N, C-alpha and C. Protein backbone atom coordinates (compact mmCIF):
# COMPACT_ATOMS: atom_id res chain seq x y z
N UNK A 1 116.37 -147.00 143.48
CA UNK A 1 116.66 -145.80 144.51
C UNK A 1 116.23 -144.60 143.77
N UNK A 2 117.45 -145.08 142.76
CA UNK A 2 116.73 -144.14 141.91
C UNK A 2 115.40 -143.74 141.01
N UNK A 3 114.73 -144.27 141.37
CA UNK A 3 113.37 -144.04 140.31
C UNK A 3 112.64 -143.93 141.22
N UNK A 4 113.15 -143.87 142.75
CA UNK A 4 112.23 -143.16 143.93
C UNK A 4 112.36 -141.77 143.74
N UNK A 5 113.63 -141.20 143.58
CA UNK A 5 113.53 -140.47 143.66
C UNK A 5 113.76 -139.56 142.92
N UNK A 6 113.23 -139.99 141.84
CA UNK A 6 113.38 -138.63 140.30
C UNK A 6 111.88 -138.52 140.82
N UNK A 7 111.22 -139.94 140.76
CA UNK A 7 109.43 -139.62 141.11
C UNK A 7 109.49 -138.57 141.97
N UNK A 8 109.90 -138.61 143.30
CA UNK A 8 109.64 -137.68 143.92
C UNK A 8 109.74 -136.41 143.46
N UNK A 9 110.91 -136.14 143.20
CA UNK A 9 111.02 -134.48 142.48
C UNK A 9 110.32 -134.38 141.26
N UNK A 10 109.78 -135.19 140.36
CA UNK A 10 109.40 -135.15 139.42
C UNK A 10 107.40 -134.42 140.01
N UNK A 11 107.36 -135.16 140.76
CA UNK A 11 106.06 -135.26 141.98
C UNK A 11 105.82 -133.76 142.45
N UNK A 12 106.85 -133.59 142.46
CA UNK A 12 107.34 -131.73 143.33
C UNK A 12 107.62 -131.12 142.15
N UNK A 13 107.94 -130.95 141.29
CA UNK A 13 107.55 -130.08 140.01
C UNK A 13 106.21 -129.93 139.52
N UNK A 14 105.50 -131.02 139.36
CA UNK A 14 104.31 -130.81 138.59
C UNK A 14 103.37 -130.26 139.81
N UNK A 15 103.50 -130.69 140.83
CA UNK A 15 102.59 -130.08 141.91
C UNK A 15 102.59 -128.66 141.74
N UNK A 16 103.76 -128.19 141.84
CA UNK A 16 104.23 -126.86 141.88
C UNK A 16 103.85 -125.87 140.13
N UNK A 17 103.85 -126.99 139.57
CA UNK A 17 103.48 -126.34 138.04
C UNK A 17 101.59 -126.39 138.23
N UNK A 18 101.73 -126.82 138.09
CA UNK A 18 99.64 -127.03 138.52
C UNK A 18 99.19 -125.79 139.53
N UNK A 19 100.45 -125.69 140.64
CA UNK A 19 99.89 -124.59 141.64
C UNK A 19 100.27 -123.42 140.91
N UNK A 20 100.85 -123.23 140.09
CA UNK A 20 101.42 -122.02 139.22
C UNK A 20 99.94 -121.45 138.61
N UNK A 21 99.39 -122.25 138.05
CA UNK A 21 98.98 -122.22 136.56
C UNK A 21 97.44 -122.10 137.19
N UNK A 22 96.87 -123.16 138.56
CA UNK A 22 96.27 -122.26 139.66
C UNK A 22 95.77 -120.81 139.41
N UNK A 23 96.83 -120.45 140.53
CA UNK A 23 97.09 -119.28 140.97
C UNK A 23 96.74 -117.92 139.97
N UNK A 24 97.22 -118.40 138.77
CA UNK A 24 97.44 -117.46 137.51
C UNK A 24 95.68 -117.67 136.53
N UNK A 25 95.46 -118.50 137.09
CA UNK A 25 93.75 -118.61 136.57
C UNK A 25 92.48 -117.64 137.87
N UNK A 26 93.33 -117.84 138.86
CA UNK A 26 92.28 -117.18 140.20
C UNK A 26 92.76 -115.52 139.53
N UNK A 27 93.97 -115.36 139.34
CA UNK A 27 94.14 -113.90 139.51
C UNK A 27 93.25 -113.14 138.20
N UNK A 28 93.61 -113.96 137.22
CA UNK A 28 92.61 -113.93 135.80
C UNK A 28 90.87 -113.24 136.13
N UNK A 29 90.16 -114.22 137.13
CA UNK A 29 89.27 -114.23 137.74
C UNK A 29 88.83 -112.77 138.43
N UNK A 30 89.67 -112.83 139.12
CA UNK A 30 89.67 -111.48 139.68
C UNK A 30 90.02 -110.41 139.09
N UNK A 31 90.68 -110.28 138.46
CA UNK A 31 90.84 -109.37 137.21
C UNK A 31 89.84 -108.95 136.24
N UNK A 32 89.27 -110.48 135.89
CA UNK A 32 88.26 -109.37 134.91
C UNK A 32 86.64 -109.32 136.03
N UNK A 33 86.38 -109.88 137.29
CA UNK A 33 85.24 -109.21 137.83
C UNK A 33 85.62 -107.83 138.69
N UNK A 34 87.09 -107.29 138.67
CA UNK A 34 87.18 -106.15 138.82
C UNK A 34 86.77 -105.00 137.56
N UNK A 35 87.72 -105.73 136.35
CA UNK A 35 87.07 -105.10 135.34
C UNK A 35 85.61 -104.80 135.01
N UNK A 36 84.96 -105.81 135.54
CA UNK A 36 83.35 -105.57 135.24
C UNK A 36 82.80 -104.87 135.78
N UNK A 37 83.25 -105.08 137.29
CA UNK A 37 82.68 -103.84 138.05
C UNK A 37 82.68 -102.47 137.97
N UNK A 38 83.66 -101.98 137.55
CA UNK A 38 85.01 -100.77 136.87
C UNK A 38 83.71 -100.84 135.77
N UNK A 39 83.68 -101.28 134.83
CA UNK A 39 82.57 -101.45 133.69
C UNK A 39 81.14 -100.84 134.07
N UNK A 40 80.60 -101.65 135.46
CA UNK A 40 79.05 -101.43 135.95
C UNK A 40 79.15 -99.78 136.02
N UNK A 41 79.97 -99.69 136.98
CA UNK A 41 80.14 -98.10 137.69
C UNK A 41 80.49 -96.89 136.54
N UNK A 42 80.90 -97.20 135.81
CA UNK A 42 81.10 -96.68 134.75
C UNK A 42 80.03 -96.05 134.27
N UNK A 43 79.51 -97.49 133.63
CA UNK A 43 77.68 -97.24 133.36
C UNK A 43 77.06 -96.17 133.59
N UNK A 44 77.11 -96.89 135.35
CA UNK A 44 75.91 -95.45 135.59
C UNK A 44 76.09 -93.97 136.28
N UNK A 45 77.28 -93.64 135.94
CA UNK A 45 78.08 -92.93 135.87
C UNK A 45 77.74 -91.48 134.88
N UNK A 46 77.86 -92.19 133.17
CA UNK A 46 77.26 -91.96 132.25
C UNK A 46 75.75 -91.75 132.08
N UNK A 47 75.33 -92.70 132.67
CA UNK A 47 73.49 -92.66 132.72
C UNK A 47 73.13 -91.19 133.44
N UNK A 48 74.01 -91.29 134.93
CA UNK A 48 73.36 -89.99 135.76
C UNK A 48 74.21 -88.50 134.69
N UNK A 49 75.18 -88.82 134.19
CA UNK A 49 75.41 -87.75 133.45
C UNK A 49 74.69 -86.73 132.45
N UNK A 50 73.47 -87.70 131.83
CA UNK A 50 72.97 -86.56 130.74
C UNK A 50 71.48 -86.97 131.26
N UNK A 51 71.15 -86.81 133.18
CA UNK A 51 70.06 -86.62 133.68
C UNK A 51 70.15 -84.67 134.02
N UNK A 52 68.72 -84.09 134.00
CA UNK A 52 69.23 -82.74 133.97
C UNK A 52 69.29 -82.71 135.35
N UNK A 53 69.62 -81.33 135.78
CA UNK A 53 69.80 -81.02 137.56
C UNK A 53 68.68 -80.82 137.53
N UNK A 54 67.29 -80.85 137.70
CA UNK A 54 66.00 -81.38 138.46
C UNK A 54 65.94 -82.57 138.52
N UNK A 55 66.38 -83.35 137.90
CA UNK A 55 66.22 -85.44 137.35
C UNK A 55 67.63 -85.37 138.67
N UNK A 56 68.34 -84.96 138.65
CA UNK A 56 69.54 -85.52 140.22
C UNK A 56 69.40 -84.84 141.23
N UNK A 57 68.72 -83.69 141.48
CA UNK A 57 68.16 -83.39 142.59
C UNK A 57 66.44 -84.34 143.27
N UNK A 58 65.85 -84.39 142.48
CA UNK A 58 64.13 -84.89 142.71
C UNK A 58 64.60 -86.27 143.32
N UNK A 59 64.66 -86.45 144.80
CA UNK A 59 64.47 -88.18 145.52
C UNK A 59 63.69 -88.82 144.75
N UNK A 60 64.91 -90.09 144.39
CA UNK A 60 63.87 -90.78 144.45
C UNK A 60 64.15 -91.58 142.50
N UNK A 61 64.87 -90.09 141.92
CA UNK A 61 64.42 -90.44 140.35
C UNK A 61 65.70 -91.26 140.35
N UNK A 62 67.04 -91.14 140.69
CA UNK A 62 67.83 -91.70 141.08
C UNK A 62 67.60 -93.07 141.12
N UNK A 63 67.32 -94.22 141.08
CA UNK A 63 67.30 -95.39 142.62
C UNK A 63 68.71 -95.35 142.88
N UNK A 64 68.60 -95.56 144.37
CA UNK A 64 69.13 -95.89 145.52
C UNK A 64 69.86 -96.84 145.22
N UNK A 65 69.35 -98.21 144.49
CA UNK A 65 70.41 -99.63 144.52
C UNK A 65 69.99 -100.43 143.35
N UNK A 66 71.17 -100.89 142.68
CA UNK A 66 70.40 -101.66 141.45
C UNK A 66 70.72 -103.16 142.15
N UNK A 67 71.31 -103.54 140.65
CA UNK A 67 72.05 -104.80 140.58
C UNK A 67 72.39 -105.43 139.05
N UNK A 68 73.31 -105.86 138.31
CA UNK A 68 73.83 -106.31 137.47
C UNK A 68 74.96 -107.84 137.73
N UNK A 69 75.43 -107.91 136.66
CA UNK A 69 75.67 -109.08 136.52
C UNK A 69 76.59 -109.06 135.32
N UNK A 70 77.86 -110.24 136.24
CA UNK A 70 78.71 -110.58 134.70
C UNK A 70 78.65 -110.96 133.47
N UNK A 71 77.41 -111.30 132.93
CA UNK A 71 77.49 -111.59 131.82
C UNK A 71 75.91 -111.78 131.37
N UNK A 72 74.94 -110.39 131.20
CA UNK A 72 73.87 -110.01 131.17
C UNK A 72 73.50 -110.50 130.09
N UNK A 73 74.24 -110.98 128.82
CA UNK A 73 73.95 -111.97 127.77
C UNK A 73 73.77 -112.80 127.97
N UNK A 74 74.32 -113.54 128.78
CA UNK A 74 74.09 -115.23 128.65
C UNK A 74 72.73 -115.55 129.58
N UNK A 75 72.55 -117.02 129.53
CA UNK A 75 71.47 -117.69 129.34
C UNK A 75 71.35 -117.16 130.97
N UNK A 76 70.02 -117.70 131.31
CA UNK A 76 69.10 -117.50 132.82
C UNK A 76 70.25 -118.56 133.24
N UNK A 77 71.00 -118.31 134.59
CA UNK A 77 70.77 -119.42 135.45
C UNK A 77 72.79 -119.73 135.18
N UNK A 78 73.21 -118.79 133.80
CA UNK A 78 74.68 -118.74 133.81
C UNK A 78 75.32 -117.25 133.17
N UNK A 79 74.81 -116.73 133.90
CA UNK A 79 75.26 -114.96 134.13
C UNK A 79 76.89 -115.17 134.87
N UNK A 80 76.72 -115.22 135.75
CA UNK A 80 78.07 -115.46 137.22
C UNK A 80 77.83 -114.61 138.10
N UNK A 81 79.09 -114.20 138.39
CA UNK A 81 78.69 -113.09 140.03
C UNK A 81 77.58 -112.30 139.54
N UNK A 82 76.90 -111.73 140.34
CA UNK A 82 76.02 -110.46 140.33
C UNK A 82 76.36 -109.58 141.24
N UNK A 83 76.04 -108.33 140.94
CA UNK A 83 77.21 -107.26 141.48
C UNK A 83 75.88 -106.45 142.26
N UNK A 84 75.89 -106.06 142.83
CA UNK A 84 74.98 -105.39 144.11
C UNK A 84 75.56 -104.09 144.24
N UNK A 85 74.87 -102.77 144.35
CA UNK A 85 75.22 -101.51 143.77
C UNK A 85 74.66 -100.74 144.02
N UNK A 86 74.46 -99.61 144.82
CA UNK A 86 74.58 -99.01 145.43
C UNK A 86 75.12 -97.20 144.65
N UNK A 87 73.74 -96.03 144.81
CA UNK A 87 74.53 -94.70 144.58
C UNK A 87 73.37 -93.58 145.67
N UNK A 88 74.90 -93.17 145.90
CA UNK A 88 74.19 -91.92 147.13
C UNK A 88 74.27 -90.70 146.16
N UNK A 89 73.38 -89.64 146.05
CA UNK A 89 73.84 -88.11 145.69
C UNK A 89 73.90 -87.15 147.02
N UNK A 90 74.73 -87.04 147.78
CA UNK A 90 74.59 -85.67 148.81
C UNK A 90 75.20 -84.62 148.48
N UNK A 91 75.49 -83.58 149.33
CA UNK A 91 75.90 -82.29 148.85
C UNK A 91 77.62 -82.34 149.13
N UNK A 92 78.08 -82.07 148.28
CA UNK A 92 79.71 -82.04 148.36
C UNK A 92 79.73 -81.57 149.53
N UNK A 93 81.41 -82.00 150.36
CA UNK A 93 82.76 -82.25 151.20
C UNK A 93 82.88 -80.76 151.56
N UNK A 94 83.02 -79.67 150.97
CA UNK A 94 83.54 -78.38 150.76
C UNK A 94 82.38 -77.31 150.90
N UNK A 95 82.76 -76.25 151.03
CA UNK A 95 81.99 -75.01 151.17
C UNK A 95 82.46 -74.39 150.62
N UNK A 96 81.49 -73.59 149.51
CA UNK A 96 82.22 -72.28 148.12
C UNK A 96 80.64 -71.64 147.73
N UNK A 97 81.41 -70.44 147.10
CA UNK A 97 80.25 -69.99 146.46
C UNK A 97 79.37 -70.91 145.62
N UNK A 98 79.95 -71.76 145.08
CA UNK A 98 79.22 -72.66 143.69
C UNK A 98 78.83 -73.87 144.46
N UNK A 99 79.18 -74.50 146.32
CA UNK A 99 78.46 -76.01 146.61
C UNK A 99 77.48 -75.80 146.29
N UNK A 100 76.51 -75.34 146.57
CA UNK A 100 75.12 -74.56 145.71
C UNK A 100 74.72 -75.70 145.03
N UNK A 101 75.49 -75.58 143.78
CA UNK A 101 75.18 -75.58 142.60
C UNK A 101 75.79 -77.24 141.78
N UNK A 102 76.61 -77.61 143.31
CA UNK A 102 77.04 -79.02 142.91
C UNK A 102 76.75 -80.05 144.10
N UNK A 103 76.87 -81.08 143.26
CA UNK A 103 76.50 -82.76 144.18
C UNK A 103 77.47 -83.87 144.12
N UNK A 104 77.76 -84.73 144.96
CA UNK A 104 78.81 -85.38 144.96
C UNK A 104 78.07 -86.86 144.67
N UNK A 105 78.30 -87.77 143.75
CA UNK A 105 77.62 -88.94 143.37
C UNK A 105 78.65 -90.36 143.19
N UNK A 106 78.51 -90.67 144.65
CA UNK A 106 79.17 -92.10 144.98
C UNK A 106 78.60 -93.05 144.60
N UNK A 107 79.02 -93.68 144.00
CA UNK A 107 78.54 -95.06 143.61
C UNK A 107 79.06 -96.19 143.91
N UNK A 108 78.80 -96.85 144.87
CA UNK A 108 79.33 -98.44 145.24
C UNK A 108 78.89 -99.74 144.89
N UNK A 109 79.50 -100.87 144.36
CA UNK A 109 79.43 -102.55 144.90
C UNK A 109 80.09 -102.99 145.27
N UNK A 110 79.02 -104.53 145.46
CA UNK A 110 79.41 -105.20 146.37
C UNK A 110 79.32 -106.80 145.33
N UNK A 111 79.71 -107.40 145.70
CA UNK A 111 80.05 -109.05 144.81
C UNK A 111 80.44 -110.04 145.95
N UNK A 112 80.40 -111.29 145.17
CA UNK A 112 80.81 -112.40 146.62
C UNK A 112 81.37 -113.16 144.51
N UNK A 113 83.09 -113.20 144.97
CA UNK A 113 83.28 -113.64 143.43
C UNK A 113 83.14 -115.42 143.78
N UNK A 114 83.66 -115.94 142.44
CA UNK A 114 83.23 -117.30 142.64
C UNK A 114 83.68 -118.40 143.67
N UNK A 115 85.11 -117.68 144.52
CA UNK A 115 85.81 -118.36 145.50
C UNK A 115 85.48 -117.71 146.69
N UNK A 116 83.75 -117.38 146.90
CA UNK A 116 83.17 -116.63 147.89
C UNK A 116 84.07 -115.98 149.00
N UNK A 117 84.61 -114.90 147.60
CA UNK A 117 85.32 -113.77 148.73
C UNK A 117 84.80 -111.86 148.04
N UNK A 118 84.32 -111.59 149.52
CA UNK A 118 83.28 -110.94 149.12
C UNK A 118 83.79 -109.11 149.06
N UNK A 119 83.75 -108.55 148.31
CA UNK A 119 84.80 -107.58 147.38
C UNK A 119 83.48 -106.58 146.89
N UNK A 120 84.30 -105.04 146.88
CA UNK A 120 83.56 -104.13 146.75
C UNK A 120 84.72 -102.80 145.88
N UNK A 121 84.39 -101.73 145.28
CA UNK A 121 84.42 -101.20 144.95
C UNK A 121 83.53 -99.51 144.93
N UNK A 122 84.30 -98.39 145.24
CA UNK A 122 83.43 -97.55 145.26
C UNK A 122 84.56 -96.26 144.57
N UNK A 123 83.14 -95.62 143.55
CA UNK A 123 83.81 -94.03 143.08
C UNK A 123 82.98 -93.31 143.54
N UNK A 124 83.44 -92.01 142.90
CA UNK A 124 82.80 -90.65 143.36
C UNK A 124 83.28 -89.74 142.59
N UNK A 125 82.07 -89.22 142.20
CA UNK A 125 82.35 -87.77 141.25
C UNK A 125 81.97 -86.34 141.66
N UNK A 126 81.40 -85.13 140.97
CA UNK A 126 80.67 -84.68 141.04
C UNK A 126 79.57 -84.08 139.94
N UNK A 127 78.44 -83.39 140.09
CA UNK A 127 77.03 -83.52 138.82
C UNK A 127 77.55 -82.13 139.13
N UNK A 128 77.41 -81.22 138.54
CA UNK A 128 77.50 -79.44 138.93
C UNK A 128 76.11 -79.16 137.19
N UNK A 129 75.85 -78.14 138.91
CA UNK A 129 74.29 -77.19 137.91
C UNK A 129 74.57 -77.15 136.29
N UNK A 130 75.74 -76.64 136.17
CA UNK A 130 76.12 -76.42 134.45
C UNK A 130 76.84 -77.66 133.65
N UNK A 131 76.08 -78.39 134.07
CA UNK A 131 77.42 -79.49 133.58
C UNK A 131 76.80 -79.39 132.20
N UNK A 132 77.22 -81.22 131.52
CA UNK A 132 77.06 -81.53 130.33
C UNK A 132 75.00 -81.57 129.61
N UNK A 133 74.76 -81.37 131.05
CA UNK A 133 73.31 -82.15 130.57
C UNK A 133 72.53 -80.48 129.48
N UNK A 134 72.86 -80.12 130.07
CA UNK A 134 72.91 -78.38 129.24
C UNK A 134 72.82 -78.80 127.95
N UNK A 135 73.75 -79.15 127.29
CA UNK A 135 73.69 -79.14 125.77
C UNK A 135 73.25 -80.34 125.54
N UNK A 136 72.79 -81.72 126.19
CA UNK A 136 72.03 -82.57 125.05
C UNK A 136 71.17 -82.17 124.28
N UNK A 137 70.79 -82.43 123.42
CA UNK A 137 69.67 -81.96 122.58
C UNK A 137 68.57 -83.24 122.82
């Protein structure tokens, strides 16, 4: 009887421990996917930052959609999660004397995690006519 009870207790403890490890790995996976999404969005922001004002205003110069993967250096079929992005350049949401010289840039990403959860991230910033692009040689 004592062996049966100790085996039951040991089984419950082992199941709890395995559950904790599984949950920990799941959280790390989500954190890595979020970090990669942030990296992709910042990469797009840095690219747009170097465009001159006429390029920013030219419709179609900045692609409206793009795709990237979790690990672009991996072999075909093992790149991991696919990220689908959108880029929107619109007028700034406020009125002022300089609002004609600014645009709002919104970049959004959507991806399906390895556990079939649809996830999204969005960041926005402003692009100014007299921004850093005038100082690029």
